[in-house]
Amino acid sequence: MKTNPGAKKRFSLTGTGKIKRKHAYKSHILTKKATKRKRNLSSFGQVDSADEKNVKLLLAIK
């Protein structure tokens, strides 16, 4: 099965096999958002366990 190109750009694996993701709402209209909020959005998040199976299918990970 081929890797989904959109998922390839958005997700990456950690060393322990978990899936990293970026937070939403950090791309534009940043003037009205607080500095603290922007700083917290810039860190990486982790894909929820409910979505992990679907993301692994998109990334063609077994």
C-alpha atoms as a PDB file:
ATOM      1  CA  MET A   1       0.000   0.000   0.000  1.00  0.00           C
ATOM      2  CA  LYS A   2       1.261   3.465  -0.888  1.00  0.00           C
ATOM      3  CA  THR A   3       1.831   6.219   1.656  1.00  0.00           C
ATOM      4  CA  ASN A   4      -0.720   9.019   1.511  1.00  0.00           C
ATOM      5  CA  PRO A   5       1.227  12.155   0.459  1.00  0.00           C
ATOM      6  CA  GLY A   6      -0.907  14.500   2.580  1.00  0.00           C
ATOM      7  CA  ALA A   7      -0.352  12.385   5.677  1.00  0.00           C
ATOM      8  CA  LYS A   8       3.369  12.116   4.921  1.00  0.00           C
ATOM      9  CA  LYS A   9       3.644  15.916   5.184  1.00  0.00           C
ATOM     10  CA  ARG A  10       1.584  16.195   8.375  1.00  0.00           C
ATOM     11  CA  PHE A  11       2.701  13.321  10.604  1.00  0.00           C
ATOM     12  CA  SER A  12       6.016  11.860  11.717  1.00  0.00           C
ATOM     13  CA  LEU A  13       7.072   8.992  13.954  1.00  0.00           C
ATOM     14  CA  THR A  14       8.876   9.331  17.276  1.00  0.00           C
ATOM     15  CA  GLY A  15      11.600   6.957  18.358  1.00  0.00           C
ATOM     16  CA  THR A  16       9.129   4.939  20.425  1.00  0.00           C
ATOM     17  CA  GLY A  17       6.679   4.540  17.526  1.00  0.00           C
ATOM     18  CA  LYS A  18       4.157   7.203  18.528  1.00  0.00           C
ATOM     19  CA  ILE A  19       2.886   9.655  15.916  1.00  0.00           C
ATOM     20  CA  LYS A  20       3.704  13.365  16.182  1.00  0.00           C
ATOM     21  CA  ARG A  21       1.453  16.074  14.793  1.00  0.00           C
ATOM     22  CA  LYS A  22       1.400  19.851  14.679  1.00  0.00           C
ATOM     23  CA  HIS A  23      -1.305  21.904  16.360  1.00  0.00           C
ATOM     24  CA  ALA A  24      -3.943  23.697  14.298  1.00  0.00           C
ATOM     25  CA  TYR A  25      -4.694  27.473  14.348  1.00  0.00           C
ATOM     26  CA  LYS A  26      -1.041  28.567  14.060  1.00  0.00           C
ATOM     27  CA  SER A  27      -0.875  29.543  10.391  1.00  0.00           C
ATOM     28  CA  HIS A  28      -2.531  32.972  10.048  1.00  0.00           C
ATOM     29  CA  ILE A  29      -4.477  35.729  11.874  1.00  0.00           C
ATOM     30  CA  LEU A  30      -1.927  35.610  14.690  1.00  0.00           C
ATOM     31  CA  THR A  31      -2.275  39.258  15.813  1.00  0.00           C
ATOM     32  CA  LYS A  32      -5.384  38.631  17.908  1.00  0.00           C
ATOM     33  CA  LYS A  33      -3.989  35.489  19.547  1.00  0.00           C
ATOM     34  CA  ALA A  34      -2.113  35.788  22.818  1.00  0.00           C
ATOM     35  CA  THR A  35       1.621  35.097  22.925  1.00  0.00           C
ATOM     36  CA  LYS A  36       1.095  32.266  25.391  1.00  0.00           C
ATOM     37  CA  ARG A  37      -1.465  30.640  23.099  1.00  0.00           C
ATOM     38  CA  LYS A  38       0.835  30.901  20.062  1.00  0.00           C
ATOM     39  CA  ARG A  39       3.750  29.480  22.039  1.00  0.00           C
ATOM     40  CA  ASN A  40       1.682  26.489  23.184  1.00  0.00           C
ATOM     41  CA  LEU A  41       0.449  25.875  19.633  1.00  0.00           C
ATOM     42  CA  SER A  42       3.994  25.805  18.254  1.00  0.00           C
ATOM     43  CA  SER A  43       4.912  22.652  20.187  1.00  0.00           C
ATOM     44  CA  PHE A  44       4.228  19.210  18.760  1.00  0.00           C
ATOM     45  CA  GLY A  45       1.259  17.164  19.899  1.00  0.00           C
ATOM     46  CA  GLN A  46       0.562  13.470  19.828  1.00  0.00           C
ATOM     47  CA  VAL A  47      -2.093  11.730  17.742  1.00  0.00           C
ATOM     48  CA  ASP A  48      -4.935  10.422  19.881  1.00  0.00           C
ATOM     49  CA  SER A  49      -5.162   6.678  20.379  1.00  0.00           C
ATOM     50  CA  ALA A  50      -8.580   6.637  18.662  1.00  0.00           C
ATOM     51  CA  ASP A  51      -7.065   8.069  15.453  1.00  0.00           C
ATOM     52  CA  GLU A  52      -3.745   6.245  15.573  1.00  0.00           C
ATOM     53  CA  LYS A  53      -4.922   3.211  13.582  1.00  0.00           C
ATOM     54  CA  ASN A  54      -6.226   5.369  10.711  1.00  0.00           C
ATOM     55  CA  VAL A  55      -3.072   7.494  10.578  1.00  0.00           C
ATOM     56  CA  LYS A  56      -0.889   4.377  10.507  1.00  0.00           C
ATOM     57  CA  LEU A  57      -2.938   3.105   7.563  1.00  0.00           C
ATOM     58  CA  LEU A  58      -2.344   6.388   5.722  1.00  0.00           C
ATOM     59  CA  LEU A  59       1.389   6.217   6.473  1.00  0.00           C
ATOM     60  CA  ALA A  60       1.506   2.502   5.500  1.00  0.00           C
ATOM     61  CA  ILE A  61       2.981   1.514   8.865  1.00  0.00           C
ATOM     62  CA  LYS A  62       2.376  -1.972  10.199  1.00  0.00           C
END
